[in-house]
Amino acid sequence: MVHNLLLETFFQRIIDQVVAFDTWLFLKINTVFTHPILDTVLPLWRDSELWVPLYFFLIIFAIMNFGKQGWTWILFAIINVTLTDQASSSLIKKWVARIRPCNEEALVGKMRLLLEHCSGGFSFTSSHATNHFGFAVFVFLTTRHFMGKWSRWLLLWAATISYSQVYVGVHYPVDVLVGALLGTGIGALTARYYNQKIGPIRIDQPSLSSSHE
C-alpha cells in the first residue's frame, strides 16, 4: 500500500512538472515568439476550410494519375482521416478532458486568443495535429515512389498547422506533439496496410521529383 502511494506520488510529480513546462512553453510561443505577420497568417493557415482546394486537387490528381488504384487510394485516405479523428476527438479527448488554454481561468490576461472564440471542446490531443499528420504520413508513405521529395512537404505542412494551434492560443505544445505522434502512427499503419494489400503508387513515367531536376 505504501509502495503504491509512493509510486502514485512520483508519477504525479512528473505529470505536474510536464504540465508546468507545457504551460511555460505555451506562453512563450503564444506571447513572446510572435510577429504581426504570423498574427495575421497563422489563424488562417490552421483553418481547415483553407485547404479544401488542396484536398480536391489530390482527389482529381489521384483519379487522373493513379489508374485503377485511384479510387482505392482515396478510400484509404478517407479511412485514415476517420481513424485519426475518432482516436483524438472521440476517445482521448473525452478520456483526458484537458481544458483548452483559452478556457483556462489561470491564464486569463496572460495569453492571447487570435480567433473569434475559443472552442468548448477539450485540448488533449490536438485533432488538427492528429488529422493532418495522419494524412501527411499516409500520403508520403504511399506516394513517395511517384512523388519523390515533393511528398515530404506535406510533413512540413502538417507541422506548421500544428504549431499554429499553439500560436493562436487553442492548444498546448504537448497537445500537438502527442497528436502529431498519434497521427503519424495511424498514418503509418494505414499506409503499411495499403502498401501490403494494394501496393504503393508506382507509375511508369518519371516521378515529379526527377522531372524537375
N, C-alpha and C. Protein backbone atom coordinates (compact mmCIF):
# COMPACT_ATOMS: atom_id res chain seq x y z
N MET A 1 0.84 -1.21 0.00
CA MET A 1 0.00 0.00 0.00
C MET A 1 0.87 1.26 0.00
N VAL A 2 1.93 1.22 0.84
CA VAL A 2 2.83 2.36 0.92
C VAL A 2 3.57 2.54 -0.40
N HIS A 3 4.00 1.40 -0.99
CA HIS A 3 4.72 1.46 -2.26
C HIS A 3 3.83 2.04 -3.35
N ASN A 4 2.56 1.65 -3.37
CA ASN A 4 1.63 2.17 -4.37
C ASN A 4 1.44 3.68 -4.21
N LEU A 5 1.36 4.12 -2.94
CA LEU A 5 1.19 5.55 -2.68
C LEU A 5 2.42 6.33 -3.13
N LEU A 6 3.61 5.78 -2.84
CA LEU A 6 4.85 6.45 -3.27
C LEU A 6 4.94 6.50 -4.78
N LEU A 7 4.52 5.42 -5.43
CA LEU A 7 4.57 5.37 -6.89
C LEU A 7 3.61 6.39 -7.49
N GLU A 8 2.41 6.49 -6.92
CA GLU A 8 1.45 7.47 -7.41
C GLU A 8 1.96 8.89 -7.21
N THR A 9 2.59 9.14 -6.07
CA THR A 9 3.14 10.46 -5.79
C THR A 9 4.26 10.80 -6.77
N PHE A 10 5.10 9.82 -7.08
CA PHE A 10 6.20 10.01 -8.01
C PHE A 10 5.68 10.40 -9.40
N PHE A 11 4.72 9.63 -9.89
CA PHE A 11 4.18 9.90 -11.22
C PHE A 11 3.40 11.21 -11.25
N GLN A 12 2.74 11.55 -10.15
CA GLN A 12 2.00 12.81 -10.09
C GLN A 12 2.96 13.98 -10.17
N ARG A 13 4.12 13.86 -9.53
CA ARG A 13 5.11 14.93 -9.59
C ARG A 13 5.63 15.10 -11.01
N ILE A 14 5.85 13.99 -11.69
CA ILE A 14 6.30 14.05 -13.08
C ILE A 14 5.26 14.74 -13.95
N ILE A 15 3.99 14.36 -13.76
CA ILE A 15 2.91 14.97 -14.54
C ILE A 15 2.82 16.46 -14.26
N ASP A 16 2.94 16.84 -12.99
CA ASP A 16 2.88 18.25 -12.62
C ASP A 16 4.02 19.04 -13.26
N GLN A 17 5.22 18.44 -13.31
CA GLN A 17 6.36 19.11 -13.92
C GLN A 17 6.17 19.27 -15.43
N VAL A 18 5.63 18.23 -16.06
CA VAL A 18 5.39 18.29 -17.50
C VAL A 18 4.35 19.36 -17.81
N VAL A 19 3.28 19.40 -17.01
CA VAL A 19 2.22 20.40 -17.22
C VAL A 19 2.76 21.80 -17.02
N ALA A 20 3.59 21.98 -16.00
CA ALA A 20 4.17 23.30 -15.73
C ALA A 20 5.06 23.76 -16.89
N PHE A 21 5.89 22.86 -17.39
CA PHE A 21 6.75 23.20 -18.53
C PHE A 21 5.92 23.44 -19.78
N ASP A 22 4.88 22.64 -19.96
CA ASP A 22 4.00 22.78 -21.12
C ASP A 22 3.33 24.16 -21.12
N THR A 23 2.88 24.59 -19.96
CA THR A 23 2.25 25.90 -19.84
C THR A 23 3.25 27.02 -20.08
N TRP A 24 4.46 26.87 -19.54
CA TRP A 24 5.51 27.86 -19.75
C TRP A 24 5.84 28.00 -21.23
N LEU A 25 6.00 26.87 -21.92
CA LEU A 25 6.33 26.90 -23.34
C LEU A 25 5.18 27.46 -24.16
N PHE A 26 3.95 27.12 -23.77
CA PHE A 26 2.78 27.68 -24.46
C PHE A 26 2.79 29.20 -24.41
N LEU A 27 3.03 29.75 -23.23
CA LEU A 27 3.04 31.21 -23.07
C LEU A 27 4.17 31.85 -23.86
N LYS A 28 5.31 31.17 -23.96
CA LYS A 28 6.41 31.69 -24.76
C LYS A 28 6.01 31.78 -26.23
N ILE A 29 5.44 30.69 -26.76
CA ILE A 29 5.05 30.65 -28.17
C ILE A 29 3.91 31.63 -28.44
N ASN A 30 2.97 31.70 -27.52
CA ASN A 30 1.76 32.50 -27.72
C ASN A 30 1.95 33.99 -27.49
N THR A 31 2.91 34.35 -26.63
CA THR A 31 3.03 35.77 -26.27
C THR A 31 4.41 36.38 -26.50
N VAL A 32 5.44 35.55 -26.64
CA VAL A 32 6.80 36.07 -26.78
C VAL A 32 7.35 35.86 -28.20
N PHE A 33 7.30 34.62 -28.67
CA PHE A 33 7.82 34.32 -30.01
C PHE A 33 6.77 34.68 -31.07
N THR A 34 6.46 35.94 -31.17
CA THR A 34 5.37 36.38 -32.03
C THR A 34 5.84 37.42 -33.05
N HIS A 35 4.99 37.62 -34.04
CA HIS A 35 5.27 38.63 -35.07
C HIS A 35 3.93 39.03 -35.69
N PRO A 36 3.76 40.32 -36.04
CA PRO A 36 2.48 40.76 -36.63
C PRO A 36 2.06 39.97 -37.87
N ILE A 37 3.05 39.56 -38.68
CA ILE A 37 2.71 38.79 -39.88
C ILE A 37 2.14 37.43 -39.49
N LEU A 38 2.77 36.79 -38.51
CA LEU A 38 2.28 35.49 -38.04
C LEU A 38 0.90 35.64 -37.40
N ASP A 39 0.67 36.77 -36.72
CA ASP A 39 -0.64 37.02 -36.11
C ASP A 39 -1.74 37.03 -37.17
N THR A 40 -1.41 37.45 -38.38
CA THR A 40 -2.38 37.51 -39.46
C THR A 40 -2.48 36.19 -40.22
N VAL A 41 -1.32 35.57 -40.48
CA VAL A 41 -1.27 34.39 -41.34
C VAL A 41 -1.71 33.11 -40.63
N LEU A 42 -1.22 32.87 -39.42
CA LEU A 42 -1.43 31.57 -38.77
C LEU A 42 -2.89 31.27 -38.41
N PRO A 43 -3.70 32.26 -38.00
CA PRO A 43 -5.12 31.94 -37.78
C PRO A 43 -5.81 31.42 -39.05
N LEU A 44 -5.39 31.91 -40.20
CA LEU A 44 -5.93 31.43 -41.47
C LEU A 44 -5.31 30.10 -41.86
N TRP A 45 -4.02 29.98 -41.62
CA TRP A 45 -3.26 28.79 -42.00
C TRP A 45 -3.81 27.53 -41.35
N ARG A 46 -4.28 27.64 -40.09
CA ARG A 46 -4.77 26.46 -39.38
C ARG A 46 -6.25 26.20 -39.64
N ASP A 47 -6.89 27.03 -40.45
CA ASP A 47 -8.31 26.88 -40.77
C ASP A 47 -8.48 25.78 -41.81
N SER A 48 -9.21 24.74 -41.47
CA SER A 48 -9.39 23.59 -42.37
C SER A 48 -10.02 23.98 -43.70
N GLU A 49 -10.88 24.99 -43.69
CA GLU A 49 -11.55 25.39 -44.93
C GLU A 49 -10.57 25.93 -45.95
N LEU A 50 -9.44 26.46 -45.49
CA LEU A 50 -8.45 26.99 -46.41
C LEU A 50 -7.88 25.91 -47.31
N TRP A 51 -7.85 24.67 -46.81
CA TRP A 51 -7.20 23.59 -47.52
C TRP A 51 -8.15 22.71 -48.32
N VAL A 52 -9.42 23.07 -48.39
CA VAL A 52 -10.37 22.30 -49.19
C VAL A 52 -9.92 22.19 -50.65
N PRO A 53 -9.44 23.29 -51.28
CA PRO A 53 -8.96 23.15 -52.66
C PRO A 53 -7.82 22.13 -52.80
N LEU A 54 -6.95 22.04 -51.78
CA LEU A 54 -5.85 21.06 -51.83
C LEU A 54 -6.40 19.64 -51.86
N TYR A 55 -7.42 19.38 -51.02
CA TYR A 55 -7.99 18.05 -50.98
C TYR A 55 -8.67 17.69 -52.30
N PHE A 56 -9.37 18.65 -52.89
CA PHE A 56 -10.00 18.41 -54.19
C PHE A 56 -8.93 18.16 -55.25
N PHE A 57 -7.84 18.91 -55.19
CA PHE A 57 -6.75 18.71 -56.14
C PHE A 57 -6.18 17.30 -56.02
N LEU A 58 -5.96 16.83 -54.78
CA LEU A 58 -5.40 15.50 -54.59
C LEU A 58 -6.35 14.41 -55.09
N ILE A 59 -7.65 14.62 -54.89
CA ILE A 59 -8.63 13.65 -55.38
C ILE A 59 -8.58 13.57 -56.90
N ILE A 60 -8.62 14.72 -57.55
CA ILE A 60 -8.58 14.75 -59.02
C ILE A 60 -7.24 14.21 -59.53
N PHE A 61 -6.15 14.58 -58.83
CA PHE A 61 -4.82 14.12 -59.21
C PHE A 61 -4.74 12.60 -59.13
N ALA A 62 -5.29 12.02 -58.05
CA ALA A 62 -5.25 10.57 -57.87
C ALA A 62 -6.06 9.86 -58.95
N ILE A 63 -7.23 10.38 -59.26
CA ILE A 63 -8.09 9.77 -60.28
C ILE A 63 -7.42 9.80 -61.65
N MET A 64 -6.74 10.89 -61.95
CA MET A 64 -6.14 11.07 -63.27
C MET A 64 -4.79 10.37 -63.42
N ASN A 65 -4.10 10.13 -62.31
CA ASN A 65 -2.73 9.62 -62.41
C ASN A 65 -2.51 8.24 -61.80
N PHE A 66 -3.36 7.81 -60.89
CA PHE A 66 -3.12 6.56 -60.19
C PHE A 66 -3.81 5.36 -60.82
N GLY A 67 -4.50 5.58 -61.93
CA GLY A 67 -5.16 4.48 -62.62
C GLY A 67 -6.20 3.79 -61.76
N LYS A 68 -6.19 2.44 -61.79
CA LYS A 68 -7.17 1.67 -61.02
C LYS A 68 -7.01 1.86 -59.52
N GLN A 69 -5.82 2.27 -59.10
CA GLN A 69 -5.58 2.46 -57.66
C GLN A 69 -6.16 3.78 -57.15
N GLY A 70 -6.56 4.65 -58.05
CA GLY A 70 -7.01 5.98 -57.65
C GLY A 70 -8.11 5.98 -56.61
N TRP A 71 -9.21 5.29 -56.94
CA TRP A 71 -10.36 5.28 -56.03
C TRP A 71 -10.05 4.52 -54.74
N THR A 72 -9.25 3.46 -54.84
CA THR A 72 -8.86 2.71 -53.64
C THR A 72 -8.01 3.59 -52.73
N TRP A 73 -7.09 4.34 -53.33
CA TRP A 73 -6.23 5.23 -52.56
C TRP A 73 -7.06 6.30 -51.85
N ILE A 74 -8.03 6.86 -52.55
CA ILE A 74 -8.91 7.88 -51.95
C ILE A 74 -9.70 7.28 -50.79
N LEU A 75 -10.20 6.05 -50.96
CA LEU A 75 -10.95 5.39 -49.90
C LEU A 75 -10.09 5.19 -48.67
N PHE A 76 -8.86 4.74 -48.85
CA PHE A 76 -7.96 4.52 -47.71
C PHE A 76 -7.59 5.84 -47.05
N ALA A 77 -7.45 6.90 -47.84
CA ALA A 77 -7.16 8.21 -47.27
C ALA A 77 -8.30 8.67 -46.37
N ILE A 78 -9.53 8.43 -46.81
CA ILE A 78 -10.71 8.79 -46.01
C ILE A 78 -10.76 7.95 -44.74
N ILE A 79 -10.50 6.65 -44.87
CA ILE A 79 -10.48 5.77 -43.70
C ILE A 79 -9.43 6.23 -42.71
N ASN A 80 -8.27 6.62 -43.22
CA ASN A 80 -7.18 7.09 -42.37
C ASN A 80 -7.58 8.33 -41.58
N VAL A 81 -8.18 9.31 -42.24
CA VAL A 81 -8.61 10.54 -41.57
C VAL A 81 -9.70 10.23 -40.55
N THR A 82 -10.59 9.30 -40.88
CA THR A 82 -11.64 8.91 -39.94
C THR A 82 -11.04 8.30 -38.67
N LEU A 83 -10.05 7.45 -38.84
CA LEU A 83 -9.39 6.82 -37.69
C LEU A 83 -8.69 7.85 -36.82
N THR A 84 -7.96 8.77 -37.44
CA THR A 84 -7.24 9.78 -36.66
C THR A 84 -8.21 10.68 -35.91
N ASP A 85 -9.28 11.08 -36.57
CA ASP A 85 -10.23 11.99 -35.94
C ASP A 85 -10.95 11.32 -34.78
N GLN A 86 -11.38 10.08 -34.98
CA GLN A 86 -12.08 9.37 -33.92
C GLN A 86 -11.16 9.07 -32.73
N ALA A 87 -9.93 8.71 -33.02
CA ALA A 87 -8.98 8.42 -31.93
C ALA A 87 -8.74 9.64 -31.08
N SER A 88 -8.61 10.80 -31.72
CA SER A 88 -8.33 12.02 -30.97
C SER A 88 -9.58 12.61 -30.34
N SER A 89 -10.61 12.85 -31.16
CA SER A 89 -11.79 13.58 -30.69
C SER A 89 -12.73 12.74 -29.83
N SER A 90 -12.96 11.50 -30.25
CA SER A 90 -13.96 10.69 -29.56
C SER A 90 -13.42 9.84 -28.43
N LEU A 91 -12.13 9.53 -28.46
CA LEU A 91 -11.56 8.66 -27.43
C LEU A 91 -10.68 9.43 -26.44
N ILE A 92 -9.56 9.93 -26.91
CA ILE A 92 -8.56 10.51 -26.00
C ILE A 92 -9.06 11.80 -25.36
N LYS A 93 -9.65 12.69 -26.15
CA LYS A 93 -10.10 13.97 -25.59
C LYS A 93 -11.12 13.77 -24.48
N LYS A 94 -12.08 12.88 -24.68
CA LYS A 94 -13.11 12.65 -23.67
C LYS A 94 -12.53 11.94 -22.45
N TRP A 95 -11.50 11.14 -22.65
CA TRP A 95 -10.90 10.40 -21.54
C TRP A 95 -10.02 11.32 -20.68
N VAL A 96 -9.17 12.14 -21.34
CA VAL A 96 -8.26 13.03 -20.60
C VAL A 96 -8.99 14.27 -20.10
N ALA A 97 -9.85 14.84 -20.95
CA ALA A 97 -10.66 16.02 -20.59
C ALA A 97 -9.82 17.20 -20.12
N ARG A 98 -8.79 17.51 -20.85
CA ARG A 98 -7.93 18.65 -20.51
C ARG A 98 -8.55 19.94 -21.05
N ILE A 99 -8.62 20.96 -20.23
CA ILE A 99 -9.21 22.24 -20.62
C ILE A 99 -8.26 22.97 -21.57
N ARG A 100 -8.82 23.58 -22.59
CA ARG A 100 -8.01 24.35 -23.53
C ARG A 100 -7.40 25.56 -22.81
N PRO A 101 -6.22 25.99 -23.25
CA PRO A 101 -5.59 27.15 -22.60
C PRO A 101 -6.46 28.41 -22.67
N CYS A 102 -7.20 28.56 -23.76
CA CYS A 102 -8.05 29.75 -23.90
C CYS A 102 -9.28 29.70 -23.01
N ASN A 103 -9.53 28.55 -22.38
CA ASN A 103 -10.63 28.43 -21.42
C ASN A 103 -10.12 28.24 -19.99
N GLU A 104 -8.81 28.31 -19.82
CA GLU A 104 -8.20 28.10 -18.51
C GLU A 104 -8.21 29.40 -17.71
N GLU A 105 -8.89 29.39 -16.57
CA GLU A 105 -9.01 30.61 -15.76
C GLU A 105 -7.66 31.14 -15.31
N ALA A 106 -6.72 30.25 -15.03
CA ALA A 106 -5.40 30.68 -14.55
C ALA A 106 -4.61 31.44 -15.60
N LEU A 107 -5.02 31.34 -16.86
CA LEU A 107 -4.29 32.00 -17.94
C LEU A 107 -4.99 33.26 -18.45
N VAL A 108 -6.11 33.60 -17.84
CA VAL A 108 -6.83 34.81 -18.25
C VAL A 108 -5.94 36.03 -18.04
N GLY A 109 -5.79 36.83 -19.09
CA GLY A 109 -4.94 38.02 -19.01
C GLY A 109 -3.47 37.75 -19.27
N LYS A 110 -3.09 36.47 -19.38
CA LYS A 110 -1.69 36.13 -19.61
C LYS A 110 -1.43 35.67 -21.04
N MET A 111 -2.46 35.24 -21.73
CA MET A 111 -2.31 34.68 -23.07
C MET A 111 -3.11 35.48 -24.08
N ARG A 112 -2.88 35.17 -25.36
CA ARG A 112 -3.62 35.81 -26.45
C ARG A 112 -4.45 34.77 -27.17
N LEU A 113 -5.69 35.12 -27.50
CA LEU A 113 -6.53 34.28 -28.36
C LEU A 113 -6.69 35.01 -29.67
N LEU A 114 -6.16 34.43 -30.74
CA LEU A 114 -6.18 35.09 -32.04
C LEU A 114 -7.36 34.66 -32.91
N LEU A 115 -8.29 33.94 -32.32
CA LEU A 115 -9.50 33.54 -33.02
C LEU A 115 -10.69 34.29 -32.44
N GLU A 116 -11.83 34.23 -33.13
CA GLU A 116 -13.01 34.95 -32.66
C GLU A 116 -13.56 34.36 -31.37
N HIS A 117 -13.39 33.06 -31.19
CA HIS A 117 -13.89 32.42 -29.96
C HIS A 117 -13.05 31.19 -29.66
N CYS A 118 -13.14 30.73 -28.43
CA CYS A 118 -12.43 29.53 -28.00
C CYS A 118 -13.40 28.36 -28.01
N SER A 119 -13.01 27.28 -28.64
CA SER A 119 -13.88 26.10 -28.71
C SER A 119 -14.16 25.55 -27.32
N GLY A 120 -15.35 25.01 -27.17
CA GLY A 120 -15.71 24.43 -25.88
C GLY A 120 -15.21 23.02 -25.70
N GLY A 121 -14.59 22.46 -26.76
CA GLY A 121 -14.08 21.10 -26.67
C GLY A 121 -12.82 21.02 -25.83
N PHE A 122 -12.35 19.80 -25.62
CA PHE A 122 -11.14 19.59 -24.82
C PHE A 122 -9.89 19.76 -25.66
N SER A 123 -8.75 19.81 -24.97
CA SER A 123 -7.50 20.21 -25.60
C SER A 123 -6.59 19.06 -26.01
N PHE A 124 -6.53 18.01 -25.22
CA PHE A 124 -5.58 16.91 -25.45
C PHE A 124 -6.30 15.68 -25.98
N THR A 125 -5.90 15.22 -27.16
CA THR A 125 -4.85 15.70 -28.04
C THR A 125 -5.43 16.67 -29.08
N SER A 126 -4.53 17.36 -29.78
CA SER A 126 -4.98 18.25 -30.85
C SER A 126 -5.44 17.44 -32.05
N SER A 127 -6.71 17.56 -32.40
CA SER A 127 -7.23 16.84 -33.56
C SER A 127 -6.64 17.39 -34.85
N HIS A 128 -6.34 18.69 -34.87
CA HIS A 128 -5.69 19.26 -36.04
C HIS A 128 -4.35 18.55 -36.29
N ALA A 129 -3.57 18.41 -35.24
CA ALA A 129 -2.26 17.76 -35.38
C ALA A 129 -2.42 16.29 -35.75
N THR A 130 -3.33 15.60 -35.09
CA THR A 130 -3.54 14.18 -35.37
C THR A 130 -4.00 13.96 -36.80
N ASN A 131 -5.00 14.70 -37.22
CA ASN A 131 -5.55 14.51 -38.56
C ASN A 131 -4.56 14.88 -39.66
N HIS A 132 -3.89 16.01 -39.50
CA HIS A 132 -3.00 16.46 -40.57
C HIS A 132 -1.73 15.62 -40.65
N PHE A 133 -1.19 15.21 -39.51
CA PHE A 133 -0.03 14.33 -39.57
C PHE A 133 -0.41 12.95 -40.08
N GLY A 134 -1.57 12.46 -39.67
CA GLY A 134 -2.02 11.17 -40.18
C GLY A 134 -2.16 11.19 -41.69
N PHE A 135 -2.78 12.24 -42.21
CA PHE A 135 -2.97 12.37 -43.65
C PHE A 135 -1.63 12.55 -44.36
N ALA A 136 -0.78 13.41 -43.83
CA ALA A 136 0.52 13.68 -44.47
C ALA A 136 1.38 12.43 -44.52
N VAL A 137 1.43 11.68 -43.44
CA VAL A 137 2.25 10.46 -43.39
C VAL A 137 1.69 9.41 -44.33
N PHE A 138 0.37 9.26 -44.38
CA PHE A 138 -0.24 8.30 -45.29
C PHE A 138 0.10 8.63 -46.74
N VAL A 139 -0.06 9.89 -47.12
CA VAL A 139 0.24 10.30 -48.49
C VAL A 139 1.72 10.11 -48.79
N PHE A 140 2.56 10.49 -47.85
CA PHE A 140 4.01 10.38 -48.05
C PHE A 140 4.43 8.93 -48.28
N LEU A 141 3.95 8.01 -47.43
CA LEU A 141 4.39 6.63 -47.50
C LEU A 141 3.79 5.85 -48.67
N THR A 142 2.66 6.31 -49.19
CA THR A 142 2.03 5.59 -50.30
C THR A 142 2.37 6.19 -51.67
N THR A 143 2.90 7.40 -51.70
CA THR A 143 3.17 8.04 -53.00
C THR A 143 4.62 8.45 -53.20
N ARG A 144 5.48 8.17 -52.23
CA ARG A 144 6.86 8.68 -52.34
C ARG A 144 7.60 8.08 -53.54
N HIS A 145 7.21 6.86 -53.99
CA HIS A 145 7.86 6.27 -55.15
C HIS A 145 7.51 7.04 -56.42
N PHE A 146 6.39 7.75 -56.38
CA PHE A 146 5.95 8.55 -57.52
C PHE A 146 6.23 10.03 -57.32
N MET A 147 5.87 10.53 -56.15
CA MET A 147 6.00 11.96 -55.87
C MET A 147 7.43 12.36 -55.53
N GLY A 148 8.21 11.41 -55.03
CA GLY A 148 9.58 11.73 -54.66
C GLY A 148 9.63 12.71 -53.50
N LYS A 149 10.58 13.63 -53.57
CA LYS A 149 10.82 14.56 -52.47
C LYS A 149 9.66 15.52 -52.25
N TRP A 150 8.79 15.68 -53.26
CA TRP A 150 7.68 16.63 -53.12
C TRP A 150 6.70 16.21 -52.03
N SER A 151 6.55 14.91 -51.81
CA SER A 151 5.61 14.45 -50.80
C SER A 151 6.05 14.82 -49.39
N ARG A 152 7.36 15.10 -49.21
CA ARG A 152 7.87 15.46 -47.88
C ARG A 152 7.34 16.81 -47.42
N TRP A 153 6.99 17.65 -48.37
CA TRP A 153 6.48 18.96 -47.98
C TRP A 153 5.18 18.85 -47.20
N LEU A 154 4.46 17.76 -47.37
CA LEU A 154 3.23 17.58 -46.60
C LEU A 154 3.53 17.45 -45.11
N LEU A 155 4.68 16.90 -44.76
CA LEU A 155 5.05 16.77 -43.35
C LEU A 155 5.31 18.15 -42.75
N LEU A 156 5.98 19.01 -43.51
CA LEU A 156 6.19 20.39 -43.05
C LEU A 156 4.86 21.12 -42.94
N TRP A 157 3.98 20.88 -43.89
CA TRP A 157 2.64 21.46 -43.88
C TRP A 157 1.89 21.09 -42.61
N ALA A 158 1.92 19.81 -42.24
CA ALA A 158 1.26 19.34 -41.02
C ALA A 158 1.90 19.95 -39.78
N ALA A 159 3.23 20.08 -39.80
CA ALA A 159 3.94 20.64 -38.64
C ALA A 159 3.58 22.12 -38.43
N THR A 160 3.50 22.88 -39.51
CA THR A 160 3.18 24.30 -39.37
C THR A 160 1.74 24.52 -38.91
N ILE A 161 0.84 23.68 -39.38
CA ILE A 161 -0.55 23.78 -38.92
C ILE A 161 -0.64 23.44 -37.44
N SER A 162 0.10 22.43 -37.02
CA SER A 162 0.10 22.04 -35.60
C SER A 162 0.67 23.16 -34.73
N TYR A 163 1.77 23.75 -35.18
CA TYR A 163 2.37 24.86 -34.44
C TYR A 163 1.39 26.03 -34.34
N SER A 164 0.62 26.26 -35.39
CA SER A 164 -0.34 27.36 -35.40
C SER A 164 -1.38 27.21 -34.31
N GLN A 165 -1.72 25.98 -33.95
CA GLN A 165 -2.71 25.74 -32.91
C GLN A 165 -2.24 26.27 -31.56
N VAL A 166 -0.94 26.18 -31.33
CA VAL A 166 -0.37 26.73 -30.09
C VAL A 166 -0.29 28.25 -30.20
N TYR A 167 0.18 28.71 -31.33
CA TYR A 167 0.39 30.15 -31.53
C TYR A 167 -0.90 30.94 -31.34
N VAL A 168 -2.03 30.42 -31.87
CA VAL A 168 -3.29 31.18 -31.79
C VAL A 168 -3.96 31.04 -30.43
N GLY A 169 -3.50 30.09 -29.59
CA GLY A 169 -4.00 30.01 -28.23
C GLY A 169 -5.01 28.94 -27.91
N VAL A 170 -5.16 27.93 -28.80
CA VAL A 170 -6.20 26.93 -28.54
C VAL A 170 -5.65 25.57 -28.10
N HIS A 171 -4.31 25.41 -28.12
CA HIS A 171 -3.71 24.14 -27.70
C HIS A 171 -2.37 24.38 -27.02
N TYR A 172 -2.02 23.47 -26.13
CA TYR A 172 -0.69 23.45 -25.52
C TYR A 172 0.27 22.69 -26.43
N PRO A 173 1.59 22.92 -26.29
CA PRO A 173 2.57 22.18 -27.11
C PRO A 173 2.45 20.67 -26.98
N VAL A 174 2.23 20.16 -25.77
CA VAL A 174 2.11 18.72 -25.60
C VAL A 174 0.88 18.17 -26.35
N ASP A 175 -0.17 18.96 -26.44
CA ASP A 175 -1.36 18.54 -27.19
C ASP A 175 -1.02 18.24 -28.64
N VAL A 176 -0.26 19.15 -29.25
CA VAL A 176 0.07 18.98 -30.66
C VAL A 176 1.18 17.95 -30.86
N LEU A 177 2.11 17.85 -29.90
CA LEU A 177 3.18 16.87 -30.00
C LEU A 177 2.62 15.45 -29.96
N VAL A 178 1.79 15.17 -28.96
CA VAL A 178 1.22 13.84 -28.86
C VAL A 178 0.24 13.59 -30.01
N GLY A 179 -0.50 14.62 -30.40
CA GLY A 179 -1.39 14.49 -31.55
C GLY A 179 -0.63 14.14 -32.81
N ALA A 180 0.53 14.79 -33.00
CA ALA A 180 1.36 14.51 -34.16
C ALA A 180 1.88 13.07 -34.14
N LEU A 181 2.30 12.61 -32.97
CA LEU A 181 2.79 11.23 -32.83
C LEU A 181 1.66 10.23 -33.08
N LEU A 182 0.49 10.53 -32.55
CA LEU A 182 -0.67 9.65 -32.76
C LEU A 182 -1.03 9.59 -34.24
N GLY A 183 -1.12 10.75 -34.87
CA GLY A 183 -1.44 10.79 -36.29
C GLY A 183 -0.40 10.09 -37.14
N THR A 184 0.87 10.28 -36.79
CA THR A 184 1.95 9.62 -37.51
C THR A 184 1.83 8.11 -37.42
N GLY A 185 1.52 7.62 -36.22
CA GLY A 185 1.37 6.18 -36.03
C GLY A 185 0.21 5.60 -36.83
N ILE A 186 -0.93 6.27 -36.77
CA ILE A 186 -2.10 5.78 -37.51
C ILE A 186 -1.86 5.87 -39.01
N GLY A 187 -1.28 7.00 -39.46
CA GLY A 187 -0.98 7.16 -40.87
C GLY A 187 -0.01 6.11 -41.38
N ALA A 188 1.00 5.79 -40.56
CA ALA A 188 1.99 4.79 -40.95
C ALA A 188 1.37 3.39 -41.03
N LEU A 189 0.51 3.07 -40.06
CA LEU A 189 -0.14 1.75 -40.07
C LEU A 189 -1.09 1.61 -41.25
N THR A 190 -1.86 2.67 -41.51
CA THR A 190 -2.79 2.62 -42.64
C THR A 190 -2.02 2.50 -43.95
N ALA A 191 -0.94 3.27 -44.08
CA ALA A 191 -0.12 3.22 -45.29
C ALA A 191 0.54 1.85 -45.46
N ARG A 192 1.00 1.28 -44.36
CA ARG A 192 1.63 -0.04 -44.43
C ARG A 192 0.63 -1.09 -44.91
N TYR A 193 -0.56 -1.03 -44.37
CA TYR A 193 -1.60 -1.98 -44.78
C TYR A 193 -1.93 -1.79 -46.26
N TYR A 194 -2.04 -0.52 -46.68
CA TYR A 194 -2.35 -0.22 -48.08
C TYR A 194 -1.23 -0.73 -48.99
N ASN A 195 0.01 -0.45 -48.63
CA ASN A 195 1.14 -0.86 -49.47
C ASN A 195 1.26 -2.38 -49.56
N GLN A 196 0.90 -3.07 -48.48
CA GLN A 196 0.99 -4.53 -48.49
C GLN A 196 -0.14 -5.16 -49.28
N LYS A 197 -1.34 -4.65 -49.11
CA LYS A 197 -2.52 -5.25 -49.75
C LYS A 197 -2.76 -4.74 -51.17
N ILE A 198 -2.52 -3.47 -51.39
CA ILE A 198 -2.78 -2.86 -52.69
C ILE A 198 -1.49 -2.60 -53.45
N GLY A 199 -0.50 -2.09 -52.72
CA GLY A 199 0.79 -1.75 -53.33
C GLY A 199 0.97 -0.25 -53.40
N PRO A 200 2.20 0.23 -53.14
CA PRO A 200 2.46 1.68 -53.22
C PRO A 200 2.23 2.19 -54.64
N ILE A 201 1.95 3.48 -54.74
CA ILE A 201 1.71 4.09 -56.04
C ILE A 201 2.99 4.07 -56.87
N ARG A 202 2.94 3.39 -58.01
CA ARG A 202 4.06 3.35 -58.94
C ARG A 202 3.52 3.61 -60.34
N ILE A 203 4.10 4.56 -61.02
CA ILE A 203 3.66 4.91 -62.37
C ILE A 203 4.84 4.83 -63.32
N ASP A 204 4.62 4.24 -64.46
CA ASP A 204 5.69 4.04 -65.42
C ASP A 204 6.00 5.33 -66.19
N GLN A 205 6.42 6.34 -65.45
CA GLN A 205 6.83 7.60 -66.04
C GLN A 205 7.70 8.31 -65.02
N PRO A 206 8.49 9.32 -65.40
CA PRO A 206 9.38 9.99 -64.44
C PRO A 206 8.58 10.55 -63.27
N SER A 207 9.13 10.44 -62.08
CA SER A 207 8.47 10.98 -60.89
C SER A 207 8.50 12.49 -60.93
N LEU A 208 7.68 13.13 -60.10
CA LEU A 208 7.63 14.58 -60.04
C LEU A 208 8.98 15.16 -59.61
N SER A 209 9.69 14.43 -58.75
CA SER A 209 10.98 14.95 -58.28
C SER A 209 12.02 14.92 -59.39
N SER A 210 12.10 13.81 -60.15
CA SER A 210 13.11 13.69 -61.17
C SER A 210 12.83 14.59 -62.35
N SER A 211 11.54 14.86 -62.60
CA SER A 211 11.18 15.68 -63.74
C SER A 211 11.55 17.14 -63.56
N HIS A 212 11.84 17.54 -62.30
CA HIS A 212 12.19 18.93 -62.04
C HIS A 212 13.67 19.11 -61.74
N GLU A 213 14.44 18.01 -61.88
CA GLU A 213 15.86 18.09 -61.55
C GLU A 213 16.68 18.32 -62.84
